[in-house]
Amino acid sequence: MPHDPGGLLFVALGLVLVAAGFVWRGRVLRLLSAKRAQAAVIRDRSRNLLRSADMAIAEARRRAARGEPAIVTVGDVTRVACQHYGHLFVEREEAAAALRQRYEAADCRVDCMTDAFTDFGVVGSEASSDLVTVSALAGTPEACGAQMGAG
């Protein structure tokens, strides 16, 4: 028997399922586009910076003694982004923006101090300007390598 009816039925059923999938989803295979990939990278980086700011705030609160304000700096955010997410370089402005956003969302004005407002000319901040200055290398690949090697 040159053609098995069971085999032909199996192949026909498979083709019907593929055709139904093509009509239902629009395409059988969705090709990766550079635009979508770049948008995903930007979303991931932004999300990672916000998480880094959250972790830096939590770490500063743990370090602070009872009754003292927690001091969280932009350098802390870049360090956490480097150590936890592998971002070799984070712009200070980017890290400061993430820290400002999470600082206000976590109601840190009550028990924290930060340099995220004073370093970048954000008006209307109650943050102190006499915070510990952060190294000029904070957020650079050299600082990340030194921090990762130390920890």
Foldseek 3Di string as FASTA:
>chain_A
DPDDPVVVVVVVVVVVVQVVCCVVVVHPDDDDDPVVVVVVVVVVLLVLLLVLLVVQLVVQVVPDDPPAAREGELLSSLLSCCQPVVQLADDSLSSLVSNVVNCVVVVSVVRHAYCSPVVPPNPPDPHDPPDDDDDPCRRHNVVSVVSNVVD
